[in-house]
Amino acid sequence: MTLRLLFGTIGLKPAGLFYRAQNMNIVNFIVKFLKEVRVEVKKVNWLGREQLVNYTLLVIGFMVVTAAFFGSLDYGFAFLLQKYVLGQ
């Protein structure tokens, strides 16, 4: 049973990409989709270079601090396990 038959019997049309792709040639559908993507990308408020560098350094710094924290926890638990549990 196709979507047209299913929705046509109750007077509704299916929404979304599937319905549009069903009524178009696949090449036309892809071209239209890419044009719409281009329009949406132009609407994006992109960061400036300075903000981008600052946020990137902030993320890298946070990752280093987090890695050091979890590394120290791992080292501490391994030391405690070897000394008190395994008795080495």
C-alpha atoms as a PDB file:
ATOM      1  CA  MET A   1       0.000   0.000   0.000  1.00  0.00           C
ATOM      2  CA  THR A   2       1.583   3.294  -1.027  1.00  0.00           C
ATOM      3  CA  LEU A   3       1.535   6.467   1.002  1.00  0.00           C
ATOM      4  CA  ARG A   4      -0.593   8.190  -1.606  1.00  0.00           C
ATOM      5  CA  LEU A   5      -3.222   5.508  -1.385  1.00  0.00           C
ATOM      6  CA  LEU A   6      -3.076   5.391   2.402  1.00  0.00           C
ATOM      7  CA  PHE A   7      -3.235   9.145   2.950  1.00  0.00           C
ATOM      8  CA  GLY A   8      -5.415   9.840  -0.066  1.00  0.00           C
ATOM      9  CA  THR A   9      -8.262   7.785   1.330  1.00  0.00           C
ATOM     10  CA  ILE A  10      -8.570  10.071   4.355  1.00  0.00           C
ATOM     11  CA  GLY A  11      -7.744  13.314   2.552  1.00  0.00           C
ATOM     12  CA  LEU A  12      -4.282  13.928   4.078  1.00  0.00           C
ATOM     13  CA  LYS A  13      -0.890  14.395   2.494  1.00  0.00           C
ATOM     14  CA  PRO A  14       2.261  13.031   4.124  1.00  0.00           C
ATOM     15  CA  ALA A  15       4.753  15.736   5.057  1.00  0.00           C
ATOM     16  CA  GLY A  16       8.516  15.803   4.889  1.00  0.00           C
ATOM     17  CA  LEU A  17      11.322  14.830   2.594  1.00  0.00           C
ATOM     18  CA  PHE A  18       9.901  11.430   1.690  1.00  0.00           C
ATOM     19  CA  TYR A  19       6.788  12.905   0.120  1.00  0.00           C
ATOM     20  CA  ARG A  20       8.762  15.508  -1.805  1.00  0.00           C
ATOM     21  CA  ALA A  21      11.252  12.905  -3.018  1.00  0.00           C
ATOM     22  CA  GLN A  22       8.388  10.708  -4.164  1.00  0.00           C
ATOM     23  CA  ASN A  23       7.118  13.408  -6.519  1.00  0.00           C
ATOM     24  CA  MET A  24      10.515  14.509  -7.929  1.00  0.00           C
ATOM     25  CA  ASN A  25      13.326  13.115  -9.947  1.00  0.00           C
ATOM     26  CA  ILE A  26      16.111  12.157  -7.514  1.00  0.00           C
ATOM     27  CA  VAL A  27      18.626  14.490  -9.211  1.00  0.00           C
ATOM     28  CA  ASN A  28      16.239  17.437  -8.946  1.00  0.00           C
ATOM     29  CA  PHE A  29      15.568  16.533  -5.326  1.00  0.00           C
ATOM     30  CA  ILE A  30      19.303  16.526  -4.480  1.00  0.00           C
ATOM     31  CA  VAL A  31      19.890  19.813  -6.307  1.00  0.00           C
ATOM     32  CA  LYS A  32      16.961  21.455  -4.510  1.00  0.00           C
ATOM     33  CA  PHE A  33      18.137  20.101  -1.159  1.00  0.00           C
ATOM     34  CA  LEU A  34      21.677  21.456  -1.673  1.00  0.00           C
ATOM     35  CA  LYS A  35      20.308  24.864  -2.674  1.00  0.00           C
ATOM     36  CA  GLU A  36      18.255  24.956   0.525  1.00  0.00           C
ATOM     37  CA  VAL A  37      21.324  23.972   2.547  1.00  0.00           C
ATOM     38  CA  ARG A  38      23.274  26.817   0.961  1.00  0.00           C
ATOM     39  CA  VAL A  39      20.560  29.318   1.900  1.00  0.00           C
ATOM     40  CA  GLU A  40      20.490  28.060   5.498  1.00  0.00           C
ATOM     41  CA  VAL A  41      24.295  28.164   5.812  1.00  0.00           C
ATOM     42  CA  LYS A  42      24.233  31.826   4.787  1.00  0.00           C
ATOM     43  CA  LYS A  43      21.885  32.521   7.714  1.00  0.00           C
ATOM     44  CA  VAL A  44      24.330  31.119  10.274  1.00  0.00           C
ATOM     45  CA  ASN A  45      26.029  33.641  12.539  1.00  0.00           C
ATOM     46  CA  TRP A  46      29.650  32.473  12.269  1.00  0.00           C
ATOM     47  CA  LEU A  47      32.222  33.260  14.962  1.00  0.00           C
ATOM     48  CA  GLY A  48      35.019  35.704  14.318  1.00  0.00           C
ATOM     49  CA  ARG A  49      38.608  34.499  14.229  1.00  0.00           C
ATOM     50  CA  GLU A  50      39.428  35.822  17.710  1.00  0.00           C
ATOM     51  CA  GLN A  51      36.393  34.168  19.306  1.00  0.00           C
ATOM     52  CA  LEU A  52      37.114  30.919  17.495  1.00  0.00           C
ATOM     53  CA  VAL A  53      40.709  30.841  18.759  1.00  0.00           C
ATOM     54  CA  ASN A  54      39.632  31.716  22.315  1.00  0.00           C
ATOM     55  CA  TYR A  55      36.957  29.025  22.448  1.00  0.00           C
ATOM     56  CA  THR A  56      39.296  26.447  20.907  1.00  0.00           C
ATOM     57  CA  LEU A  57      41.979  27.184  23.510  1.00  0.00           C
ATOM     58  CA  LEU A  58      39.354  27.029  26.259  1.00  0.00           C
ATOM     59  CA  VAL A  59      38.215  23.588  25.112  1.00  0.00           C
ATOM     60  CA  ILE A  60      41.786  22.287  24.801  1.00  0.00           C
ATOM     61  CA  GLY A  61      42.630  23.647  28.252  1.00  0.00           C
ATOM     62  CA  PHE A  62      39.562  22.037  29.777  1.00  0.00           C
ATOM     63  CA  MET A  63      40.475  18.723  28.130  1.00  0.00           C
ATOM     64  CA  VAL A  64      44.007  18.869  29.553  1.00  0.00           C
ATOM     65  CA  VAL A  65      42.734  19.635  33.072  1.00  0.00           C
ATOM     66  CA  THR A  66      40.152  16.859  32.853  1.00  0.00           C
ATOM     67  CA  ALA A  67      42.735  14.367  31.555  1.00  0.00           C
ATOM     68  CA  ALA A  68      45.123  15.292  34.377  1.00  0.00           C
ATOM     69  CA  PHE A  69      42.346  14.879  36.958  1.00  0.00           C
ATOM     70  CA  PHE A  70      41.271  11.458  35.728  1.00  0.00           C
ATOM     71  CA  GLY A  71      44.892  10.390  35.200  1.00  0.00           C
ATOM     72  CA  SER A  72      45.716  11.259  38.795  1.00  0.00           C
ATOM     73  CA  LEU A  73      42.648   9.353  40.021  1.00  0.00           C
ATOM     74  CA  ASP A  74      43.703   6.336  37.965  1.00  0.00           C
ATOM     75  CA  TYR A  75      47.259   6.504  39.291  1.00  0.00           C
ATOM     76  CA  GLY A  76      46.016   6.894  42.882  1.00  0.00           C
ATOM     77  CA  PHE A  77      43.606   3.967  42.675  1.00  0.00           C
ATOM     78  CA  ALA A  78      46.240   1.768  41.012  1.00  0.00           C
ATOM     79  CA  PHE A  79      48.727   2.647  43.758  1.00  0.00           C
ATOM     80  CA  LEU A  80      46.210   1.904  46.522  1.00  0.00           C
ATOM     81  CA  LEU A  81      45.181  -1.348  44.875  1.00  0.00           C
ATOM     82  CA  GLN A  82      48.775  -2.552  44.544  1.00  0.00           C
ATOM     83  CA  LYS A  83      49.812  -1.505  48.047  1.00  0.00           C
ATOM     84  CA  TYR A  84      46.797  -2.525  50.156  1.00  0.00           C
ATOM     85  CA  VAL A  85      44.789  -5.065  48.201  1.00  0.00           C
ATOM     86  CA  LEU A  86      47.422  -7.004  46.295  1.00  0.00           C
ATOM     87  CA  GLY A  87      50.080  -6.498  48.993  1.00  0.00           C
ATOM     88  CA  GLN A  88      52.961  -5.798  46.633  1.00  0.00           C
END
